[in-house]
C-alpha atoms as a PDB file:
ATOM      1  CA  UNK A   1     151.984 102.594 111.566  1.00  0.00           C
ATOM      2  CA  UNK A   2     149.599 101.929 108.674  1.00  0.00           C
ATOM      3  CA  UNK A   3     150.100  99.366 105.938  1.00  0.00           C
ATOM      4  CA  UNK A   4     150.410 100.981 102.498  1.00  0.00           C
ATOM      5  CA  UNK A   5     147.340  99.139 101.166  1.00  0.00           C
ATOM      6  CA  UNK A   6     145.216 100.514 104.002  1.00  0.00           C
ATOM      7  CA  UNK A   7     146.595 104.006 103.465  1.00  0.00           C
ATOM      8  CA  UNK A   8     145.739 103.726  99.773  1.00  0.00           C
ATOM      9  CA  UNK A   9     142.148 102.756 100.580  1.00  0.00           C
ATOM     10  CA  UNK A  10     141.791 105.714 102.942  1.00  0.00           C
ATOM     11  CA  UNK A  11     143.126 108.046 100.230  1.00  0.00           C
ATOM     12  CA  UNK A  12     140.570 106.578  97.826  1.00  0.00           C
ATOM     13  CA  UNK A  13     137.866 107.021 100.450  1.00  0.00           C
ATOM     14  CA  UNK A  14     138.703 110.703 100.723  1.00  0.00           C
ATOM     15  CA  UNK A  15     137.797 110.892  97.043  1.00  0.00           C
ATOM     16  CA  UNK A  16     134.572 108.965  97.641  1.00  0.00           C
ATOM     17  CA  UNK A  17     133.633 111.295 100.508  1.00  0.00           C
ATOM     18  CA  UNK A  18     134.342 114.363  98.364  1.00  0.00           C
ATOM     19  CA  UNK A  19     132.294 112.843  95.534  1.00  0.00           C
ATOM     20  CA  UNK A  20     129.449 112.329  98.017  1.00  0.00           C
ATOM     21  CA  UNK A  21     129.887 115.946  99.148  1.00  0.00           C
ATOM     22  CA  UNK A  22     129.543 117.183  95.562  1.00  0.00           C
ATOM     23  CA  UNK A  23     126.604 114.867  94.887  1.00  0.00           C
ATOM     24  CA  UNK A  24     124.754 116.217  97.894  1.00  0.00           C
ATOM     25  CA  UNK A  25     125.548 119.798  96.833  1.00  0.00           C
ATOM     26  CA  UNK A  26     124.109 118.977  93.402  1.00  0.00           C
ATOM     27  CA  UNK A  27     121.019 117.427  95.014  1.00  0.00           C
ATOM     28  CA  UNK A  28     120.574 120.456  97.263  1.00  0.00           C
ATOM     29  CA  UNK A  29     120.825 122.825  94.301  1.00  0.00           C
ATOM     30  CA  UNK A  30     118.377 120.809  92.210  1.00  0.00           C
ATOM     31  CA  UNK A  31     115.899 120.658  95.092  1.00  0.00           C
ATOM     32  CA  UNK A  32     116.254 124.399  95.625  1.00  0.00           C
ATOM     33  CA  UNK A  33     115.486 124.958  91.940  1.00  0.00           C
ATOM     34  CA  UNK A  34     112.376 122.807  92.400  1.00  0.00           C
ATOM     35  CA  UNK A  35     111.352 125.101  95.290  1.00  0.00           C
ATOM     36  CA  UNK A  36     111.719 122.427  97.946  1.00  0.00           C
ATOM     37  CA  UNK A  37     113.620 124.389 100.601  1.00  0.00           C
ATOM     38  CA  UNK A  38     113.426 121.820 103.411  1.00  0.00           C
ATOM     39  CA  UNK A  39     114.808 119.020 101.244  1.00  0.00           C
ATOM     40  CA  UNK A  40     117.425 121.412  99.891  1.00  0.00           C
ATOM     41  CA  UNK A  41     118.576 122.282 103.437  1.00  0.00           C
ATOM     42  CA  UNK A  42     118.567 118.604 104.351  1.00  0.00           C
ATOM     43  CA  UNK A  43     120.969 117.733 101.533  1.00  0.00           C
ATOM     44  CA  UNK A  44     123.108 120.815 102.168  1.00  0.00           C
ATOM     45  CA  UNK A  45     123.576 119.483 105.712  1.00  0.00           C
ATOM     46  CA  UNK A  46     124.432 116.041 104.314  1.00  0.00           C
ATOM     47  CA  UNK A  47     127.007 117.677 102.028  1.00  0.00           C
ATOM     48  CA  UNK A  48     128.671 119.358 105.008  1.00  0.00           C
ATOM     49  CA  UNK A  49     128.855 116.018 106.821  1.00  0.00           C
ATOM     50  CA  UNK A  50     130.515 114.285 103.871  1.00  0.00           C
ATOM     51  CA  UNK A  51     133.088 117.057 103.551  1.00  0.00           C
ATOM     52  CA  UNK A  52     133.871 116.802 107.263  1.00  0.00           C
ATOM     53  CA  UNK A  53     134.330 113.027 106.892  1.00  0.00           C
ATOM     54  CA  UNK A  54     136.898 113.597 104.132  1.00  0.00           C
ATOM     55  CA  UNK A  55     138.729 116.170 106.235  1.00  0.00           C
ATOM     56  CA  UNK A  56     138.765 113.822 109.229  1.00  0.00           C
ATOM     57  CA  UNK A  57     140.357 111.112 107.062  1.00  0.00           C
ATOM     58  CA  UNK A  58     142.942 113.542 105.706  1.00  0.00           C
ATOM     59  CA  UNK A  59     143.791 114.503 109.278  1.00  0.00           C
ATOM     60  CA  UNK A  60     144.269 110.842 110.175  1.00  0.00           C
ATOM     61  CA  UNK A  61     146.567 110.284 107.203  1.00  0.00           C
ATOM     62  CA  UNK A  62     148.608 113.324 108.196  1.00  0.00           C
ATOM     63  CA  UNK A  63     148.701 112.292 111.856  1.00  0.00           C
ATOM     64  CA  UNK A  64     150.049 108.872 110.879  1.00  0.00           C
ATOM     65  CA  UNK A  65     152.619 110.350 108.471  1.00  0.00           C
ATOM     66  CA  UNK A  66     151.038 108.902 105.336  1.00  0.00           C
ATOM     67  CA  UNK A  67     151.304 110.264 101.833  1.00  0.00           C
ATOM     68  CA  UNK A  68     148.122 111.979 100.686  1.00  0.00           C
ATOM     69  CA  UNK A  69     146.993 111.511  97.112  1.00  0.00           C
ATOM     70  CA  UNK A  70     143.475 112.793  96.522  1.00  0.00           C
ATOM     71  CA  UNK A  71     141.942 111.037  93.515  1.00  0.00           C
ATOM     72  CA  UNK A  72     139.940 112.650  90.734  1.00  0.00           C
ATOM     73  CA  UNK A  73     136.311 113.139  91.622  1.00  0.00           C
ATOM     74  CA  UNK A  74     133.583 112.228  89.121  1.00  0.00           C
ATOM     75  CA  UNK A  75     131.012 114.794  88.082  1.00  0.00           C
ATOM     76  CA  UNK A  76     127.841 114.513  90.163  1.00  0.00           C
ATOM     77  CA  UNK A  77     124.394 113.902  88.717  1.00  0.00           C
ATOM     78  CA  UNK A  78     122.628 117.244  88.794  1.00  0.00           C
ATOM     79  CA  UNK A  79     119.267 116.676  87.142  1.00  0.00           C
ATOM     80  CA  UNK A  80     116.542 114.271  88.163  1.00  0.00           C
ATOM     81  CA  UNK A  81     113.185 113.148  86.808  1.00  0.00           C
ATOM     82  CA  UNK A  82     111.689 113.150  90.311  1.00  0.00           C
ATOM     83  CA  UNK A  83     112.444 113.647  93.970  1.00  0.00           C
ATOM     84  CA  UNK A  84     112.194 109.908  94.450  1.00  0.00           C
ATOM     85  CA  UNK A  85     114.895 109.334  91.809  1.00  0.00           C
ATOM     86  CA  UNK A  86     117.168 111.794  93.617  1.00  0.00           C
ATOM     87  CA  UNK A  87     116.656 110.095  96.972  1.00  0.00           C
ATOM     88  CA  UNK A  88     117.153 106.621  95.471  1.00  0.00           C
ATOM     89  CA  UNK A  89     120.536 107.854  94.234  1.00  0.00           C
ATOM     90  CA  UNK A  90     121.417 109.205  97.693  1.00  0.00           C
ATOM     91  CA  UNK A  91     120.338 105.947  99.354  1.00  0.00           C
ATOM     92  CA  UNK A  92     122.466 103.874  96.958  1.00  0.00           C
ATOM     93  CA  UNK A  93     125.396 106.184  97.597  1.00  0.00           C
ATOM     94  CA  UNK A  94     125.169 105.633 101.360  1.00  0.00           C
ATOM     95  CA  UNK A  95     125.037 101.863 100.892  1.00  0.00           C
ATOM     96  CA  UNK A  96     128.120 102.036  98.642  1.00  0.00           C
ATOM     97  CA  UNK A  97     130.021 104.219 101.125  1.00  0.00           C
ATOM     98  CA  UNK A  98     129.217 101.714 103.876  1.00  0.00           C
ATOM     99  CA  UNK A  99     130.814  98.934 101.818  1.00  0.00           C
ATOM    100  CA  UNK A 100     133.856 101.120 101.181  1.00  0.00           C
ATOM    101  CA  UNK A 101     134.288 101.892 104.884  1.00  0.00           C
ATOM    102  CA  UNK A 102     133.912  98.190 105.731  1.00  0.00           C
ATOM    103  CA  UNK A 103     136.647  97.379 103.194  1.00  0.00           C
ATOM    104  CA  UNK A 104     139.057  99.785 104.908  1.00  0.00           C
ATOM    105  CA  UNK A 105     138.217  98.333 108.324  1.00  0.00           C
ATOM    106  CA  UNK A 106     138.717  94.789 107.018  1.00  0.00           C
ATOM    107  CA  UNK A 107     142.019  95.666 105.327  1.00  0.00           C
ATOM    108  CA  UNK A 108     143.284  97.189 108.572  1.00  0.00           C
ATOM    109  CA  UNK A 109     142.229  94.003 110.361  1.00  0.00           C
ATOM    110  CA  UNK A 110     144.189  91.874 107.875  1.00  0.00           C
ATOM    111  CA  UNK A 111     147.326  93.778 108.828  1.00  0.00           C
ATOM    112  CA  UNK A 112     146.654  93.861 112.562  1.00  0.00           C
ATOM    113  CA  UNK A 113     146.273  97.657 112.393  1.00  0.00           C
ATOM    114  CA  UNK A 114     144.179  98.273 115.497  1.00  0.00           C
ATOM    115  CA  UNK A 115     144.660 102.051 115.308  1.00  0.00           C
ATOM    116  CA  UNK A 116     143.001 102.288 111.914  1.00  0.00           C
ATOM    117  CA  UNK A 117     140.285  99.844 112.939  1.00  0.00           C
ATOM    118  CA  UNK A 118     139.544 102.052 115.924  1.00  0.00           C
ATOM    119  CA  UNK A 119     139.530 105.159 113.717  1.00  0.00           C
ATOM    120  CA  UNK A 120     137.220 103.527 111.160  1.00  0.00           C
ATOM    121  CA  UNK A 121     134.815 102.273 113.847  1.00  0.00           C
ATOM    122  CA  UNK A 122     133.407 105.797 114.165  1.00  0.00           C
ATOM    123  CA  UNK A 123     132.703 105.864 110.416  1.00  0.00           C
ATOM    124  CA  UNK A 124     130.986 102.466 110.555  1.00  0.00           C
ATOM    125  CA  UNK A 125     128.677 103.716 113.285  1.00  0.00           C
ATOM    126  CA  UNK A 126     128.056 106.911 111.318  1.00  0.00           C
ATOM    127  CA  UNK A 127     127.091 104.853 108.258  1.00  0.00           C
ATOM    128  CA  UNK A 128     124.425 103.010 110.226  1.00  0.00           C
ATOM    129  CA  UNK A 129     122.858 106.425 110.887  1.00  0.00           C
ATOM    130  CA  UNK A 130     123.314 107.619 107.314  1.00  0.00           C
ATOM    131  CA  UNK A 131     121.794 104.518 105.703  1.00  0.00           C
ATOM    132  CA  UNK A 132     118.923 104.550 108.177  1.00  0.00           C
ATOM    133  CA  UNK A 133     118.221 108.231 107.475  1.00  0.00           C
ATOM    134  CA  UNK A 134     118.214 107.757 103.705  1.00  0.00           C
ATOM    135  CA  UNK A 135     116.054 104.647 104.035  1.00  0.00           C
ATOM    136  CA  UNK A 136     113.556 106.614 106.131  1.00  0.00           C
ATOM    137  CA  UNK A 137     113.557 109.528 103.688  1.00  0.00           C
ATOM    138  CA  UNK A 138     112.997 107.153 100.780  1.00  0.00           C
ATOM    139  CA  UNK A 139     110.081 105.470 102.580  1.00  0.00           C
ATOM    140  CA  UNK A 140     108.538 108.831 103.430  1.00  0.00           C
ATOM    141  CA  UNK A 141     108.947 110.003  99.841  1.00  0.00           C
ATOM    142  CA  UNK A 142     107.252 106.893  98.513  1.00  0.00           C
ATOM    143  CA  UNK A 143     104.394 107.237 100.996  1.00  0.00           C
ATOM    144  CA  UNK A 144     103.902 110.874 100.003  1.00  0.00           C
ATOM    145  CA  UNK A 145     103.634 109.823  96.341  1.00  0.00           C
ATOM    146  CA  UNK A 146     103.413 113.034  94.301  1.00  0.00           C
ATOM    147  CA  UNK A 147     102.554 115.301  97.219  1.00  0.00           C
ATOM    148  CA  UNK A 148     105.961 116.891  97.792  1.00  0.00           C
ATOM    149  CA  UNK A 149     104.523 119.273 100.363  1.00  0.00           C
ATOM    150  CA  UNK A 150     104.031 116.293 102.689  1.00  0.00           C
ATOM    151  CA  UNK A 151     107.776 115.566 102.534  1.00  0.00           C
ATOM    152  CA  UNK A 152     108.606 119.234 103.076  1.00  0.00           C
ATOM    153  CA  UNK A 153     106.181 119.387 105.998  1.00  0.00           C
ATOM    154  CA  UNK A 154     107.600 116.214 107.507  1.00  0.00           C
ATOM    155  CA  UNK A 155     111.170 117.512 107.435  1.00  0.00           C
ATOM    156  CA  UNK A 156     110.060 120.928 108.732  1.00  0.00           C
ATOM    157  CA  UNK A 157     108.226 119.287 111.653  1.00  0.00           C
ATOM    158  CA  UNK A 158     110.743 116.632 112.596  1.00  0.00           C
ATOM    159  CA  UNK A 159     114.082 118.058 111.575  1.00  0.00           C
ATOM    160  CA  UNK A 160     115.487 115.181 109.573  1.00  0.00           C
ATOM    161  CA  UNK A 161     114.485 111.560 109.001  1.00  0.00           C
ATOM    162  CA  UNK A 162     117.274 110.289 111.241  1.00  0.00           C
ATOM    163  CA  UNK A 163     115.603 112.099 114.142  1.00  0.00           C
ATOM    164  CA  UNK A 164     112.420 110.015 113.843  1.00  0.00           C
ATOM    165  CA  UNK A 165     111.953 106.335 113.120  1.00  0.00           C
ATOM    166  CA  UNK A 166     110.053 105.592 109.901  1.00  0.00           C
END
């Protein structure tokens, strides 16, 4: 049902999603150590989402009788000079994941694999949300300058940046 090159990209993406999961766990822990509980909760939630994305992809590979080979996952960055640096990293990660998802969709298209294109469409739509949320959080962080309580207050009041337009 799925071309081997597409299956390989999905397997690789599982690794990317798990790497994103670990990176968000590391961010959450660092933010907790900096006594920024709202930001810590925000990234803990992001971590859960990335893990669920990986599990959804593994389910798809199993459902389509594909071999699963989970790649090695790089060590996450776990120390930052500033909150802005941490959020810049998260924003760049979401942009990179979007490109990776697009590559899977495009590879499926090359092989006329409409099932995988349909499956990946959900992830493309999810990435629009994820990039938008990180972009909003980065803008809010920059506006707050060194007043981290403003960021904490914003997240506490609004939930998460994806819930409110920046």
